[in-house]
Each structure stands twice: as structure tokens, then as C-alpha cells.
Amino acid sequence: MGALFGTDGVRGRWGTDLTPDLVRSLAYAATRVLGAERVLIGRDTRASGEPIERELAAGIAAAGGHPLVAGIIPTPAIAVLVRSYRCEAGAVISASHNPADDNGIKFFGPDGMKLPDDVEHKIESEMDGPAASPADTREPVPDAEERYLDFLLDHAPSVAGLRVIVDAANGAAFHVAPEALRRAGATVEAIGVSPDGRNINDNCGSTHPEHLQRLVVERGAHVGIAHDGDADRLIAVDEGGEIVDGDQVLAICALDRKRRGVLKGNAVVATVMANLGFHRAMRAHGVDVVETAVGDRYVLEAMRERGLELGGEQSGHLIFLDRHTTGDGIMTALRLLDVLVRADIPLSELAAVAPRLPQVLINVNVGNRDALDDAALVWDEVENTRAALGEHGRVLIRPSGTEPVVRVMVQADTEDAAQSEAERLSHIVESALS
């Protein structure tokens, strides 16, 4: 990766990391590199979204492009609408599950796909202007949400009879997520649907599902659905208030497809973060797992290379390539609810096929995350730990793509084993990279 683009676009704080000059220059370069005449912009509910949108549009216009604005709308909607409006590029202003003070910009090509690394590098290398903002030429597209809803519900089965509570994280899906589920037939109660520019992901949504867990039990709901700020992921909650994470949702959908004889390639794609319980479930049912680096873009890349249609991440990014080009939390919710209706058993029973084995993740603040590659002592200890755990555990150490931290993840058959090994490795990483 270059110095500007991380694992999912450009991230930072408006006014300090994401300055008006940088945003305009980024938009200018992207428009030129992509040869874009029309660029569709969407954003989440952060207070900084509108001023960033204004500067992004200015850079697009300065490069000779025409900025269309969809307003507040989920990230995956832009992947759909860039094709619907026949645009050459799409841009999303969001920092996903991050706090409100953060924001970011990610781009889509005319095919609704995120940009490959080499294109991002080229954009970064050509950021040379403009210095001033031209006149505001933004053109609203008022039917964007309705077009997205039509896409979500096209061929979607009825989920009538299900009582669902959805937490939209006070984010981009605050209106469209509950509306999609209602139109699909579910009885819906919505929380996290009162954005004020500052409360996105604030004790709500997929990173803070505690209130949703309590509410599902109190209301006697069949399932809870929690999205993140830009709604490209979900975390589910079963009828007993227990979390059903992305690995389990992926397993549920994969095994449903296998039973129906429609699991293309008899395989799914998952990242190195996937839980050991997921791997054991896939192996027990004869489903192959293709493993990738962390990041939905790498999941998608492997799916396309191998001709597969289902993949995802533990965090709740799932990609159904037979229908969409990127992770979409609302589409994933509809697919999960469809399986739930057809199976006619509680979500807890569906999720039990891939029990979550103990997994400990520690974020270690470091002075230089890029020095991890050459930290021989760290990698020696990683290999020793892997050898000791054998088939009863997994170890992953990787630098964050957006923060000055190294993530240390250990899975084991017991919580104590996972915790102790994760803490030991974290101390080694901190010592080696401080």
C-alpha cells in the first residue's frame, strides 16, 4: 500500500489528516486516472461528511468531471448505483465502524468494484491539484435510495412472520435498512436511527451490540441485526441474545447452499481471521475454504480468481457475488433471514453448526508498525506458538491498515490458553516495535 491509501481507502480526521486541499487533490487525481465524466458520491451521517463532499465535488469538477450526489446512503448502494446511473466512478465518504471524529474516502470503478492497489497507487502519484475550489456543481440524485431498495428486494424472498430488531448504528442505513426489511415482510423495530452527526457507532451498531442483545430477549424477537456506520457489514443476534458473527453467518449461508446444491465450486472464501470453529464446520461438511489476507477486497479478489460466489469476514462483511460486487449488510440480512424462514428453526440452532471457539484479539500500540516484517524475534515466537497449539489453535499477527497498532490474535480450545498466549505475544511485539 502507498502512504495515503490504507486497506479500505483513505482515512483520517477532517481538517487535520483530511484537509480541504488533500480532498480536492485526491478527487482531482481519481477523476483523471479513472477518466471519469460522471462521479457518484455518497456519504454516511458524520458531521464532516457534507464539507468533505463539497471539496470532493470541487476536485471532480476541476478535473472536468460532473459530481452527482446521492446524499446519506450505505457504501454498497454506491457500488450498485454507479452502474445504475452509468457513472465512470463512485466515491463514498465514510469511516465505516470508526468513531464520529474519523472519516474517509473510498472509490469504486464503473463496474461497482473497489479499486485495485495499482490504481490507488497511480491516483496517489498524480495528486497535484487543484489549489482552489471552483463553483459548486453538485447535482443531487433524489431517487438513489429507491433504486437501491429496488435492487435489494429484486428476487428477495418473503420473510413474513419474523420479528426483527435492527440497529442501524445512527449511520448511513438509518432509514433504508428497516425499510428494506419491512418491505420484505418482516415485523421490524428499529434502533440507532436518530443520527445527529456525532452519534454514529456511539454505543450502538455492530461494534456495540449490547443494547440490541438485551432488546431482542425483552421483545421476544426472532433475530437482531446490527450494522456499522456505512452498512457494509452486519452482526446478528439470536433469539437468546447471543452474538452470531460473520463467520457463523457465512457458515449458515454456505451450508444452506450446499444442501440445495448451489454452492459454486463447493467452496467459500474467508480471511486468516476466521474462527477455528468455522474451519472445523466447513471441513466436517466437505466444504473447501480459500483463505486470504484480512480485507473484503482480498476476499473478493480470491472469489473472482477462483469463480466462487460466497465469501466473507468474521467482522460481518459478506459478499454474494452472484448478486453484488461488494459486502452489503442489508443484503446479508435478507439472505440470512431467508435461510431462517426456510429452515424453520431458531437462529441459535443454525449458528450452532459453527461454534465460536475462544479467540483473543489484542491491539498493541507500536512506534512503527511497518517494522513488523523484519522483527525476527516476533516471528520466531509466532512459529513456536503455532507448533505448540497444533490443530487446536491459530495465531495471527498483522499491522493495522489504518492505525499505529499491531493486532495479535490467538485462537485455542480454551479461553485461558488463548488469553495467555495472546498476552505473551503482545508483550513481545510491544518490546520489539516500541
Protein backbone atom coordinates (compact mmCIF):
# COMPACT_ATOMS: atom_id res chain seq x y z
CA MET A 1 0.00 0.00 0.00
CA GLY A 2 1.03 3.57 -0.53
CA ALA A 3 1.36 6.11 2.26
CA LEU A 4 -2.13 7.55 1.73
CA PHE A 5 -4.41 4.62 0.90
CA GLY A 6 -4.96 2.01 3.59
CA THR A 7 -6.81 -1.29 3.44
CA ASP A 8 -10.10 0.46 2.75
CA GLY A 9 -9.47 3.83 1.17
CA VAL A 10 -8.11 6.96 2.80
CA ARG A 11 -8.88 7.56 6.49
CA GLY A 12 -8.26 10.42 8.89
CA ARG A 13 -9.75 13.39 10.71
CA TRP A 14 -11.35 16.19 8.79
CA GLY A 15 -9.30 19.37 8.95
CA THR A 16 -6.11 17.69 10.14
CA ASP A 17 -5.46 14.49 8.16
CA LEU A 18 -8.17 15.05 5.58
CA THR A 19 -7.62 18.71 4.72
CA PRO A 20 -9.65 20.53 2.05
CA ASP A 21 -6.57 20.67 -0.19
CA LEU A 22 -5.92 16.95 0.16
CA VAL A 23 -9.54 16.00 -0.53
CA ARG A 24 -9.71 18.19 -3.64
CA SER A 25 -6.38 16.87 -4.88
CA LEU A 26 -7.44 13.28 -4.25
CA ALA A 27 -10.71 13.75 -6.14
CA TYR A 28 -8.92 15.56 -8.96
CA ALA A 29 -6.40 12.74 -9.40
CA ALA A 30 -9.02 9.99 -9.14
CA THR A 31 -11.20 11.64 -11.77
CA ARG A 32 -8.28 11.96 -14.16
CA VAL A 33 -6.87 8.47 -13.58
CA LEU A 34 -10.28 6.85 -13.97
CA GLY A 35 -11.19 9.01 -16.96
CA ALA A 36 -14.46 9.80 -15.23
CA GLU A 37 -17.03 12.14 -16.74
CA ARG A 38 -19.62 11.41 -14.04
CA VAL A 39 -18.77 10.54 -10.42
CA LEU A 40 -21.45 9.50 -7.93
CA ILE A 41 -20.82 10.49 -4.29
CA GLY A 42 -22.45 9.00 -1.20
CA ARG A 43 -21.76 9.59 2.50
CA ASP A 44 -22.70 8.47 5.98
CA THR A 45 -24.11 10.63 8.78
CA ARG A 46 -20.90 12.16 10.21
CA ALA A 47 -20.94 15.93 10.61
CA SER A 48 -17.79 16.15 8.50
CA GLY A 49 -19.46 14.35 5.59
CA GLU A 50 -21.03 17.36 3.91
CA PRO A 51 -17.92 19.60 3.88
CA ILE A 52 -15.83 16.68 2.59
CA GLU A 53 -18.47 16.06 -0.07
CA ARG A 54 -18.21 19.71 -1.11
CA GLU A 55 -14.43 19.57 -1.52
CA LEU A 56 -14.56 16.16 -3.20
CA ALA A 57 -17.05 17.51 -5.72
CA ALA A 58 -14.82 20.55 -6.29
CA GLY A 59 -11.86 18.34 -7.16
CA ILE A 60 -14.00 16.26 -9.52
CA ALA A 61 -15.28 19.37 -11.27
CA ALA A 62 -11.78 20.84 -11.55
CA ALA A 63 -10.69 17.70 -13.39
CA GLY A 64 -13.55 18.08 -15.85
CA GLY A 65 -15.93 15.64 -14.20
CA HIS A 66 -19.54 16.08 -13.13
CA PRO A 67 -20.28 15.23 -9.46
CA LEU A 68 -23.61 13.57 -8.69
CA VAL A 69 -24.57 13.30 -5.01
CA ALA A 70 -26.75 10.59 -3.53
CA GLY A 71 -26.65 12.07 -0.02
CA ILE A 72 -26.68 9.79 3.01
CA ILE A 73 -26.68 6.22 1.76
CA PRO A 74 -24.83 2.95 2.55
CA THR A 75 -21.49 2.24 0.93
CA PRO A 76 -22.77 -0.81 -1.01
CA ALA A 77 -25.51 1.33 -2.52
CA ILE A 78 -22.88 3.34 -4.38
CA ALA A 79 -21.48 0.11 -5.84
CA VAL A 80 -24.95 -0.55 -7.23
CA LEU A 81 -25.86 2.98 -8.28
CA VAL A 82 -22.61 3.77 -10.08
CA ARG A 83 -23.82 1.21 -12.62
CA SER A 84 -27.46 2.27 -12.48
CA TYR A 85 -26.56 5.91 -13.28
CA ARG A 86 -23.88 4.84 -15.80
CA CYS A 87 -21.12 6.69 -13.96
CA GLU A 88 -17.44 6.07 -14.55
CA ALA A 89 -16.66 6.18 -10.83
CA GLY A 90 -18.21 6.28 -7.39
CA ALA A 91 -16.92 7.76 -4.14
CA VAL A 92 -18.04 7.07 -0.59
CA ILE A 93 -17.32 9.38 2.35
CA SER A 94 -17.27 7.21 5.45
CA ALA A 95 -15.03 5.76 8.13
CA SER A 96 -17.25 2.69 8.48
CA HIS A 97 -17.22 1.45 12.11
CA ASN A 98 -14.81 4.13 13.36
CA PRO A 99 -15.86 6.91 15.78
CA ALA A 100 -17.55 10.09 14.55
CA ASP A 101 -14.38 12.19 14.52
CA ASP A 102 -12.86 9.95 11.86
CA ASN A 103 -13.84 9.98 8.24
CA GLY A 104 -12.57 8.57 4.98
CA ILE A 105 -12.93 8.31 1.22
CA LYS A 106 -13.07 5.17 -0.87
CA PHE A 107 -13.64 4.79 -4.60
CA PHE A 108 -15.48 2.37 -6.86
CA GLY A 109 -14.93 1.81 -10.55
CA PRO A 110 -17.68 1.79 -13.22
CA ASP A 111 -18.26 -1.93 -12.57
CA GLY A 112 -19.10 -1.33 -8.91
CA MET A 113 -15.81 -2.87 -7.76
CA LYS A 114 -13.36 -1.27 -5.32
CA LEU A 115 -10.19 -0.09 -7.00
CA PRO A 116 -7.19 -2.42 -7.15
CA ASP A 117 -3.95 -1.47 -5.42
CA ASP A 118 -2.15 -0.38 -8.59
CA VAL A 119 -4.91 2.09 -9.49
CA GLU A 120 -4.87 3.56 -5.97
CA HIS A 121 -1.10 3.94 -6.24
CA LYS A 122 -1.49 5.75 -9.56
CA ILE A 123 -4.07 8.11 -8.06
CA GLU A 124 -1.75 8.85 -5.17
CA SER A 125 1.15 9.57 -7.52
CA GLU A 126 -0.88 12.10 -9.53
CA MET A 127 -2.25 14.24 -6.71
CA ASP A 128 -1.12 17.63 -7.99
CA GLY A 129 -4.07 19.97 -7.68
CA PRO A 130 -6.27 21.93 -7.69
CA ALA A 131 -5.40 24.58 -5.11
CA ALA A 132 -8.72 26.45 -5.20
CA SER A 133 -12.36 25.36 -5.13
CA PRO A 134 -14.36 26.06 -8.29
CA ALA A 135 -18.07 26.82 -8.20
CA ASP A 136 -20.29 24.20 -6.59
CA THR A 137 -21.56 21.93 -9.38
CA ARG A 138 -23.05 19.11 -7.31
CA GLU A 139 -26.19 17.56 -8.79
CA PRO A 140 -28.48 15.67 -6.39
CA VAL A 141 -29.97 12.33 -7.46
CA PRO A 142 -33.17 12.20 -5.38
CA ASP A 143 -34.21 8.65 -6.32
CA ALA A 144 -30.97 6.99 -5.18
CA GLU A 145 -32.42 5.27 -2.11
CA GLU A 146 -35.43 3.95 -4.01
CA ARG A 147 -33.22 2.49 -6.72
CA TYR A 148 -31.12 0.80 -4.06
CA LEU A 149 -34.21 -0.64 -2.38
CA ASP A 150 -35.40 -1.98 -5.72
CA PHE A 151 -32.03 -3.71 -6.14
CA LEU A 152 -32.11 -5.22 -2.64
CA LEU A 153 -35.64 -6.54 -2.99
CA ASP A 154 -35.39 -7.81 -6.55
CA HIS A 155 -35.90 -11.59 -6.27
CA ALA A 156 -35.75 -11.31 -2.47
CA PRO A 157 -37.99 -13.93 -0.82
CA SER A 158 -40.61 -13.03 1.75
CA VAL A 159 -39.51 -13.12 5.38
CA ALA A 160 -43.05 -12.61 6.67
CA GLY A 161 -43.61 -13.90 10.18
CA LEU A 162 -40.21 -12.90 11.52
CA ARG A 163 -39.89 -10.31 14.28
CA VAL A 164 -36.64 -8.43 13.71
CA ILE A 165 -34.90 -5.66 15.61
CA VAL A 166 -32.39 -3.74 13.51
CA ASP A 167 -29.71 -1.41 14.88
CA ALA A 168 -28.56 0.97 12.16
CA ALA A 169 -25.73 2.49 14.26
CA ASN A 170 -27.09 6.02 13.68
CA GLY A 171 -25.37 5.65 10.35
CA ALA A 172 -25.98 5.57 6.64
CA ALA A 173 -28.64 2.83 6.80
CA PHE A 174 -30.78 4.54 9.44
CA HIS A 175 -33.75 4.68 7.05
CA VAL A 176 -33.07 2.17 4.30
CA ALA A 177 -32.23 -0.87 6.48
CA PRO A 178 -35.51 -1.05 8.43
CA GLU A 179 -37.43 -0.10 5.28
CA ALA A 180 -35.90 -2.97 3.28
CA LEU A 181 -36.76 -5.50 6.00
CA ARG A 182 -40.32 -4.19 6.28
CA ARG A 183 -40.83 -4.39 2.53
CA ALA A 184 -39.55 -7.97 2.64
CA GLY A 185 -42.33 -8.78 5.07
CA ALA A 186 -40.68 -8.74 8.49
CA THR A 187 -42.13 -7.04 11.55
CA VAL A 188 -39.39 -4.54 12.35
CA GLU A 189 -38.39 -2.48 15.36
CA ALA A 190 -35.54 -0.07 14.63
CA ILE A 191 -32.95 1.45 16.95
CA GLY A 192 -29.89 3.55 16.16
CA VAL A 193 -31.96 5.55 13.69
CA SER A 194 -31.58 9.07 15.12
CA PRO A 195 -28.29 10.38 13.68
CA ASP A 196 -27.12 13.81 14.82
CA GLY A 197 -23.73 13.93 13.12
CA ARG A 198 -21.88 12.89 16.28
CA ASN A 199 -23.50 9.65 17.45
CA ILE A 200 -22.61 7.28 14.62
CA ASN A 201 -21.35 3.96 16.10
CA ASP A 202 -21.63 5.51 19.58
CA ASN A 203 -22.58 2.60 21.87
CA CYS A 204 -24.66 1.13 19.08
CA GLY A 205 -24.36 -0.86 15.88
CA SER A 206 -22.18 -3.86 15.09
CA THR A 207 -19.30 -2.74 17.33
CA HIS A 208 -21.55 -2.20 20.37
CA PRO A 209 -24.47 -4.66 20.12
CA GLU A 210 -25.13 -4.92 23.87
CA HIS A 211 -28.38 -2.92 23.83
CA LEU A 212 -29.61 -4.89 20.83
CA GLN A 213 -28.83 -8.16 22.60
CA ARG A 214 -30.94 -7.14 25.62
CA LEU A 215 -33.76 -5.83 23.46
CA VAL A 216 -34.06 -8.99 21.36
CA VAL A 217 -34.66 -11.02 24.52
CA GLU A 218 -37.00 -8.45 26.10
CA ARG A 219 -39.14 -8.14 22.96
CA GLY A 220 -39.13 -11.84 22.13
CA ALA A 221 -37.73 -11.14 18.66
CA HIS A 222 -36.56 -13.93 16.37
CA VAL A 223 -33.35 -12.12 15.44
CA GLY A 224 -31.44 -8.88 15.83
CA ILE A 225 -29.42 -7.26 13.05
CA ALA A 226 -26.65 -4.73 13.81
CA HIS A 227 -24.97 -2.72 11.05
CA ASP A 228 -21.91 -0.49 11.16
CA GLY A 229 -21.80 3.16 10.15
CA ASP A 230 -21.83 2.58 6.40
CA ALA A 231 -23.82 -0.69 6.49
CA ASP A 232 -21.44 -2.85 4.52
CA ARG A 233 -21.45 -5.40 7.34
CA LEU A 234 -23.71 -6.94 9.93
CA ILE A 235 -23.54 -8.81 13.19
CA ALA A 236 -26.61 -10.89 14.06
CA VAL A 237 -28.13 -11.67 17.46
CA ASP A 238 -30.05 -14.89 18.07
CA GLU A 239 -33.31 -15.25 19.98
CA GLY A 240 -31.43 -15.77 23.24
CA GLY A 241 -29.39 -12.59 22.87
CA GLU A 242 -26.18 -14.32 21.76
CA ILE A 243 -23.94 -12.88 19.06
CA VAL A 244 -23.84 -14.62 15.68
CA ASP A 245 -20.75 -13.24 13.95
CA GLY A 246 -19.71 -13.08 10.32
CA ASP A 247 -18.01 -16.48 10.39
CA GLN A 248 -21.22 -18.09 11.61
CA VAL A 249 -23.42 -16.25 9.11
CA LEU A 250 -21.01 -17.31 6.36
CA ALA A 251 -21.21 -20.92 7.57
CA ILE A 252 -25.02 -20.81 7.71
CA CYS A 253 -25.26 -19.47 4.16
CA ALA A 254 -22.58 -21.84 2.81
CA LEU A 255 -24.19 -24.96 4.25
CA ASP A 256 -27.64 -23.86 3.10
CA ARG A 257 -26.27 -23.51 -0.43
CA LYS A 258 -24.54 -26.88 -0.21
CA ARG A 259 -27.77 -28.58 0.87
CA ARG A 260 -29.55 -27.03 -2.10
CA GLY A 261 -26.74 -27.96 -4.48
CA VAL A 262 -25.92 -24.36 -5.42
CA LEU A 263 -22.63 -23.75 -3.61
CA LYS A 264 -20.48 -22.88 -6.59
CA GLY A 265 -17.12 -24.65 -6.55
CA ASN A 266 -18.12 -26.34 -3.28
CA ALA A 267 -16.00 -23.66 -1.58
CA VAL A 268 -16.13 -20.39 0.30
CA VAL A 269 -13.56 -17.65 0.80
CA ALA A 270 -12.61 -16.47 4.30
CA THR A 271 -9.75 -14.47 5.78
CA VAL A 272 -6.97 -15.57 8.10
CA MET A 273 -9.07 -14.17 10.97
CA ALA A 274 -11.78 -16.82 10.53
CA ASN A 275 -12.51 -18.74 13.70
CA LEU A 276 -11.26 -22.29 14.14
CA GLY A 277 -14.87 -23.34 14.73
CA PHE A 278 -15.75 -22.14 11.23
CA HIS A 279 -12.92 -24.16 9.70
CA ARG A 280 -13.94 -27.28 11.58
CA ALA A 281 -17.56 -26.88 10.45
CA MET A 282 -16.60 -26.48 6.80
CA ARG A 283 -14.27 -29.47 6.97
CA ALA A 284 -16.96 -31.62 8.63
CA HIS A 285 -19.41 -30.85 5.80
CA GLY A 286 -16.94 -31.22 2.97
CA VAL A 287 -16.74 -27.52 2.04
CA ASP A 288 -13.37 -26.17 0.93
CA VAL A 289 -12.11 -22.89 2.43
CA VAL A 290 -9.93 -20.49 0.44
CA GLU A 291 -8.02 -18.27 2.86
CA THR A 292 -6.97 -14.67 2.18
CA ALA A 293 -5.44 -11.68 3.92
CA VAL A 294 -7.75 -9.51 6.03
CA GLY A 295 -9.90 -7.16 3.97
CA ASP A 296 -13.04 -7.65 1.91
CA ARG A 297 -11.16 -6.55 -1.22
CA TYR A 298 -8.90 -9.59 -0.89
CA VAL A 299 -11.88 -11.86 -0.31
CA LEU A 300 -13.45 -10.51 -3.49
CA GLU A 301 -10.22 -10.90 -5.43
CA ALA A 302 -9.97 -14.57 -4.49
CA MET A 303 -13.64 -15.15 -5.32
CA ARG A 304 -13.20 -13.70 -8.79
CA GLU A 305 -9.97 -15.57 -9.46
CA ARG A 306 -11.50 -18.93 -8.50
CA GLY A 307 -15.01 -18.40 -9.83
CA LEU A 308 -16.66 -18.58 -6.40
CA GLU A 309 -19.79 -16.76 -5.29
CA LEU A 310 -19.68 -16.69 -1.50
CA GLY A 311 -17.09 -15.24 0.85
CA GLY A 312 -16.75 -13.06 3.89
CA GLU A 313 -15.08 -11.91 7.07
CA GLN A 314 -15.65 -12.53 10.76
CA SER A 315 -16.45 -8.81 11.12
CA GLY A 316 -19.62 -9.34 9.10
CA HIS A 317 -18.59 -8.33 5.58
CA LEU A 318 -20.19 -10.98 3.37
CA ILE A 319 -20.10 -10.95 -0.41
CA PHE A 320 -22.70 -12.71 -2.54
CA LEU A 321 -21.02 -12.38 -5.92
CA ASP A 322 -23.99 -13.89 -7.73
CA ARG A 323 -25.84 -10.68 -6.83
CA HIS A 324 -23.44 -7.96 -5.67
CA THR A 325 -19.89 -6.68 -6.13
CA THR A 326 -19.13 -5.79 -2.53
CA GLY A 327 -20.09 -6.52 1.07
CA ASP A 328 -23.64 -5.39 1.83
CA GLY A 329 -25.02 -5.69 5.35
CA ILE A 330 -28.65 -5.27 4.32
CA MET A 331 -28.42 -7.89 1.56
CA THR A 332 -26.70 -10.23 4.02
CA ALA A 333 -29.55 -9.70 6.49
CA LEU A 334 -32.11 -10.59 3.83
CA ARG A 335 -30.16 -13.73 2.85
CA LEU A 336 -29.79 -14.82 6.48
CA LEU A 337 -33.48 -14.26 7.23
CA ASP A 338 -34.39 -16.25 4.13
CA VAL A 339 -32.42 -19.24 5.45
CA LEU A 340 -34.06 -18.80 8.86
CA VAL A 341 -37.56 -18.89 7.36
CA ARG A 342 -36.87 -21.95 5.21
CA ALA A 343 -35.08 -23.86 7.98
CA ASP A 344 -37.91 -23.09 10.41
CA ILE A 345 -35.61 -23.46 13.42
CA PRO A 346 -34.21 -20.80 15.78
CA LEU A 347 -31.13 -18.87 14.73
CA SER A 348 -29.25 -20.32 17.70
CA GLU A 349 -29.62 -23.81 16.20
CA LEU A 350 -28.48 -22.65 12.79
CA ALA A 351 -25.42 -20.93 14.29
CA ALA A 352 -24.51 -23.96 16.42
CA VAL A 353 -23.06 -25.65 13.33
CA ALA A 354 -20.03 -23.33 13.65
CA PRO A 355 -19.49 -22.65 17.37
CA ARG A 356 -17.15 -19.77 18.13
CA LEU A 357 -14.08 -21.17 19.81
CA PRO A 358 -12.17 -18.90 22.21
CA GLN A 359 -10.43 -16.11 20.33
CA VAL A 360 -8.48 -13.26 21.88
CA LEU A 361 -7.53 -10.15 19.91
CA ILE A 362 -5.15 -7.58 21.42
CA ASN A 363 -4.29 -4.31 19.71
CA VAL A 364 -0.72 -3.33 20.56
CA ASN A 365 0.25 0.32 20.18
CA VAL A 366 3.65 0.48 18.49
CA GLY A 367 6.07 3.12 17.32
CA ASN A 368 6.49 1.70 13.81
CA ARG A 369 4.01 -0.89 12.59
CA ASP A 370 5.95 -1.24 9.30
CA ALA A 371 8.91 -2.72 11.21
CA LEU A 372 6.91 -5.86 11.95
CA ASP A 373 8.08 -7.63 8.79
CA ASP A 374 11.70 -7.61 9.97
CA ALA A 375 11.04 -8.39 13.64
CA ALA A 376 12.70 -11.82 13.69
CA LEU A 377 12.11 -12.39 17.42
CA VAL A 378 8.37 -11.87 16.97
CA TRP A 379 8.11 -14.32 14.08
CA ASP A 380 10.20 -16.93 15.88
CA GLU A 381 7.77 -16.81 18.80
CA VAL A 382 4.79 -16.96 16.44
CA GLU A 383 6.14 -20.17 14.90
CA ASN A 384 6.83 -21.66 18.32
CA THR A 385 3.28 -20.86 19.44
CA ARG A 386 1.75 -22.33 16.29
CA ALA A 387 3.74 -25.50 16.75
CA ALA A 388 2.65 -25.79 20.38
CA LEU A 389 -1.05 -25.26 19.59
CA GLY A 390 -1.03 -27.51 16.53
CA GLU A 391 -4.54 -28.25 15.22
CA HIS A 392 -6.03 -26.89 18.45
CA GLY A 393 -5.29 -23.24 17.74
CA ARG A 394 -4.41 -20.48 15.35
CA VAL A 395 -2.13 -17.42 15.60
CA LEU A 396 -2.19 -14.26 13.53
CA ILE A 397 -0.12 -11.11 13.93
CA ARG A 398 -0.59 -8.27 11.48
CA PRO A 399 -0.27 -4.48 11.31
CA SER A 400 -3.44 -2.43 11.14
CA GLY A 401 -4.07 -0.82 7.80
CA THR A 402 -5.42 2.38 9.36
CA GLU A 403 -3.94 2.76 12.88
CA PRO A 404 -0.45 2.69 14.51
CA VAL A 405 -1.13 -0.70 16.07
CA VAL A 406 -0.26 -4.33 15.53
CA ARG A 407 -3.09 -6.81 16.01
CA VAL A 408 -2.31 -10.03 17.87
CA MET A 409 -4.93 -12.76 17.55
CA VAL A 410 -4.82 -16.20 19.16
CA GLN A 411 -7.46 -18.93 18.98
CA ALA A 412 -7.41 -22.02 21.18
CA ASP A 413 -9.70 -24.66 22.63
CA THR A 414 -9.85 -22.82 25.98
CA GLU A 415 -10.19 -19.16 26.89
CA ASP A 416 -7.26 -19.35 29.31
CA ALA A 417 -4.90 -20.74 26.66
CA ALA A 418 -5.93 -18.13 24.09
CA GLN A 419 -5.63 -15.28 26.60
CA SER A 420 -2.25 -16.27 27.98
CA GLU A 421 -0.65 -16.81 24.58
CA ALA A 422 -2.11 -13.56 23.18
CA GLU A 423 -0.80 -11.58 26.16
CA ARG A 424 2.64 -13.18 25.90
CA LEU A 425 2.94 -12.45 22.19
CA SER A 426 1.63 -8.90 22.70
CA HIS A 427 4.42 -8.15 25.17
CA ILE A 428 6.98 -9.45 22.67
CA VAL A 429 5.53 -7.29 19.88
CA GLU A 430 5.48 -4.21 22.13
CA SER A 431 9.08 -4.75 23.17
CA ALA A 432 10.31 -5.35 19.63
CA LEU A 433 8.48 -2.43 17.99
CA SER A 434 8.42 0.26 20.69
